[in-house]
C-alpha atoms as a PDB file:
ATOM      1  CA  UNK A   1      69.314-145.196 -70.276  1.00  0.00           C
ATOM      2  CA  UNK A   2      68.749-148.782 -67.526  1.00  0.00           C
ATOM      3  CA  UNK A   3      67.297-147.536 -64.146  1.00  0.00           C
ATOM      4  CA  UNK A   4      70.240-148.568 -62.605  1.00  0.00           C
ATOM      5  CA  UNK A   5      72.953-146.096 -64.192  1.00  0.00           C
ATOM      6  CA  UNK A   6      73.230-142.074 -62.480  1.00  0.00           C
ATOM      7  CA  UNK A   7      73.585-139.124 -64.274  1.00  0.00           C
ATOM      8  CA  UNK A   8      76.711-137.939 -62.978  1.00  0.00           C
ATOM      9  CA  UNK A   9      77.932-134.405 -64.208  1.00  0.00           C
ATOM     10  CA  UNK A  10      80.423-133.396 -66.277  1.00  0.00           C
ATOM     11  CA  UNK A  11      81.845-129.981 -66.984  1.00  0.00           C
ATOM     12  CA  UNK A  12      83.156-128.978 -70.648  1.00  0.00           C
ATOM     13  CA  UNK A  13      84.440-126.079 -72.349  1.00  0.00           C
ATOM     14  CA  UNK A  14      82.556-124.956 -75.401  1.00  0.00           C
ATOM     15  CA  UNK A  15      83.662-121.904 -77.851  1.00  0.00           C
ATOM     16  CA  UNK A  16      81.128-119.561 -77.532  1.00  0.00           C
ATOM     17  CA  UNK A  17      79.090-120.682 -80.754  1.00  0.00           C
ATOM     18  CA  UNK A  18      79.461-123.864 -79.716  1.00  0.00           C
ATOM     19  CA  UNK A  19      77.827-122.277 -75.708  1.00  0.00           C
ATOM     20  CA  UNK A  20      75.162-120.083 -78.027  1.00  0.00           C
ATOM     21  CA  UNK A  21      74.084-124.014 -80.125  1.00  0.00           C
ATOM     22  CA  UNK A  22      73.707-125.399 -77.135  1.00  0.00           C
ATOM     23  CA  UNK A  23      72.316-122.889 -74.984  1.00  0.00           C
ATOM     24  CA  UNK A  24      68.856-122.807 -77.742  1.00  0.00           C
ATOM     25  CA  UNK A  25      68.938-126.545 -77.531  1.00  0.00           C
ATOM     26  CA  UNK A  26      68.742-125.994 -74.335  1.00  0.00           C
ATOM     27  CA  UNK A  27      65.252-124.495 -74.050  1.00  0.00           C
ATOM     28  CA  UNK A  28      64.080-126.794 -76.625  1.00  0.00           C
ATOM     29  CA  UNK A  29      64.358-129.278 -73.318  1.00  0.00           C
ATOM     30  CA  UNK A  30      67.296-131.172 -75.611  1.00  0.00           C
ATOM     31  CA  UNK A  31      70.432-129.950 -74.664  1.00  0.00           C
ATOM     32  CA  UNK A  32      71.720-132.595 -72.558  1.00  0.00           C
ATOM     33  CA  UNK A  33      70.450-135.987 -74.298  1.00  0.00           C
ATOM     34  CA  UNK A  34      72.233-134.915 -77.151  1.00  0.00           C
ATOM     35  CA  UNK A  35      75.561-133.974 -76.240  1.00  0.00           C
ATOM     36  CA  UNK A  36      75.229-137.706 -73.514  1.00  0.00           C
ATOM     37  CA  UNK A  37      74.159-138.208 -77.702  1.00  0.00           C
ATOM     38  CA  UNK A  38      77.491-137.181 -80.158  1.00  0.00           C
ATOM     39  CA  UNK A  39      79.519-138.662 -76.147  1.00  0.00           C
ATOM     40  CA  UNK A  40      78.504-141.733 -76.998  1.00  0.00           C
ATOM     41  CA  UNK A  41      78.808-142.075 -80.982  1.00  0.00           C
ATOM     42  CA  UNK A  42      82.218-140.778 -80.084  1.00  0.00           C
ATOM     43  CA  UNK A  43      83.016-143.418 -77.355  1.00  0.00           C
ATOM     44  CA  UNK A  44      80.946-146.831 -80.113  1.00  0.00           C
ATOM     45  CA  UNK A  45      83.559-145.827 -82.424  1.00  0.00           C
ATOM     46  CA  UNK A  46      80.850-146.330 -85.357  1.00  0.00           C
ATOM     47  CA  UNK A  47      80.334-144.439 -88.012  1.00  0.00           C
ATOM     48  CA  UNK A  48      77.250-142.071 -88.278  1.00  0.00           C
ATOM     49  CA  UNK A  49      75.530-144.520 -89.680  1.00  0.00           C
ATOM     50  CA  UNK A  50      75.907-147.109 -86.635  1.00  0.00           C
ATOM     51  CA  UNK A  51      75.952-145.120 -83.873  1.00  0.00           C
ATOM     52  CA  UNK A  52      72.521-143.283 -85.271  1.00  0.00           C
ATOM     53  CA  UNK A  53      70.571-147.041 -85.951  1.00  0.00           C
ATOM     54  CA  UNK A  54      72.312-147.474 -82.577  1.00  0.00           C
ATOM     55  CA  UNK A  55      69.755-144.709 -81.274  1.00  0.00           C
ATOM     56  CA  UNK A  56      67.482-145.182 -82.340  1.00  0.00           C
ATOM     57  CA  UNK A  57      67.286-148.575 -80.961  1.00  0.00           C
ATOM     58  CA  UNK A  58      68.073-147.590 -77.340  1.00  0.00           C
ATOM     59  CA  UNK A  59      65.447-145.058 -78.560  1.00  0.00           C
ATOM     60  CA  UNK A  60      62.489-147.617 -78.853  1.00  0.00           C
ATOM     61  CA  UNK A  61      63.863-149.500 -76.151  1.00  0.00           C
ATOM     62  CA  UNK A  62      63.519-146.665 -73.442  1.00  0.00           C
ATOM     63  CA  UNK A  63      59.388-146.027 -75.340  1.00  0.00           C
ATOM     64  CA  UNK A  64      58.476-150.434 -74.678  1.00  0.00           C
ATOM     65  CA  UNK A  65      59.609-149.657 -71.010  1.00  0.00           C
ATOM     66  CA  UNK A  66      57.443-147.116 -70.813  1.00  0.00           C
ATOM     67  CA  UNK A  67      54.153-148.445 -72.153  1.00  0.00           C
ATOM     68  CA  UNK A  68      51.727-150.000 -69.197  1.00  0.00           C
ATOM     69  CA  UNK A  69      50.312-152.039 -71.705  1.00  0.00           C
ATOM     70  CA  UNK A  70      53.242-153.675 -72.330  1.00  0.00           C
ATOM     71  CA  UNK A  71      54.602-154.198 -68.693  1.00  0.00           C
ATOM     72  CA  UNK A  72      51.829-155.002 -67.430  1.00  0.00           C
ATOM     73  CA  UNK A  73      50.605-158.205 -70.552  1.00  0.00           C
ATOM     74  CA  UNK A  74      53.018-161.088 -70.157  1.00  0.00           C
ATOM     75  CA  UNK A  75      53.284-164.730 -72.140  1.00  0.00           C
ATOM     76  CA  UNK A  76      54.309-167.888 -69.924  1.00  0.00           C
ATOM     77  CA  UNK A  77      55.595-165.375 -66.884  1.00  0.00           C
ATOM     78  CA  UNK A  78      57.798-162.551 -68.824  1.00  0.00           C
ATOM     79  CA  UNK A  79      56.462-159.051 -69.906  1.00  0.00           C
ATOM     80  CA  UNK A  80      55.937-158.901 -73.314  1.00  0.00           C
ATOM     81  CA  UNK A  81      58.013-155.126 -72.234  1.00  0.00           C
ATOM     82  CA  UNK A  82      61.227-157.021 -71.680  1.00  0.00           C
ATOM     83  CA  UNK A  83      60.711-160.271 -74.519  1.00  0.00           C
ATOM     84  CA  UNK A  84      60.584-157.599 -76.731  1.00  0.00           C
ATOM     85  CA  UNK A  85      63.503-155.750 -74.886  1.00  0.00           C
ATOM     86  CA  UNK A  86      65.738-158.292 -75.184  1.00  0.00           C
ATOM     87  CA  UNK A  87      64.792-158.799 -79.132  1.00  0.00           C
ATOM     88  CA  UNK A  88      66.261-155.011 -79.594  1.00  0.00           C
ATOM     89  CA  UNK A  89      69.208-155.037 -77.618  1.00  0.00           C
ATOM     90  CA  UNK A  90      70.268-157.790 -79.421  1.00  0.00           C
ATOM     91  CA  UNK A  91      70.527-155.109 -82.227  1.00  0.00           C
ATOM     92  CA  UNK A  92      72.831-152.754 -80.796  1.00  0.00           C
ATOM     93  CA  UNK A  93      75.642-153.212 -82.807  1.00  0.00           C
END
């Protein structure tokens, strides 16, 4: 998730079964991210494969952003993290 993106709460009505499954995922601290990923997949209108591919790329960008070494090393005035993330972002469909 980009730094300038602020999370905004949104309420959704769920069946009891969906609620219980989501509650179980929340115990593993995965519920919010899981719901956001599903909504992103729907809004992007891609196939399941493309959505998974894009999610993998976004996860890779987040890992590079959080890497202290990649963020502290520069080449020709540009951080290695930014160079890698620019290349990864270009692959998102």
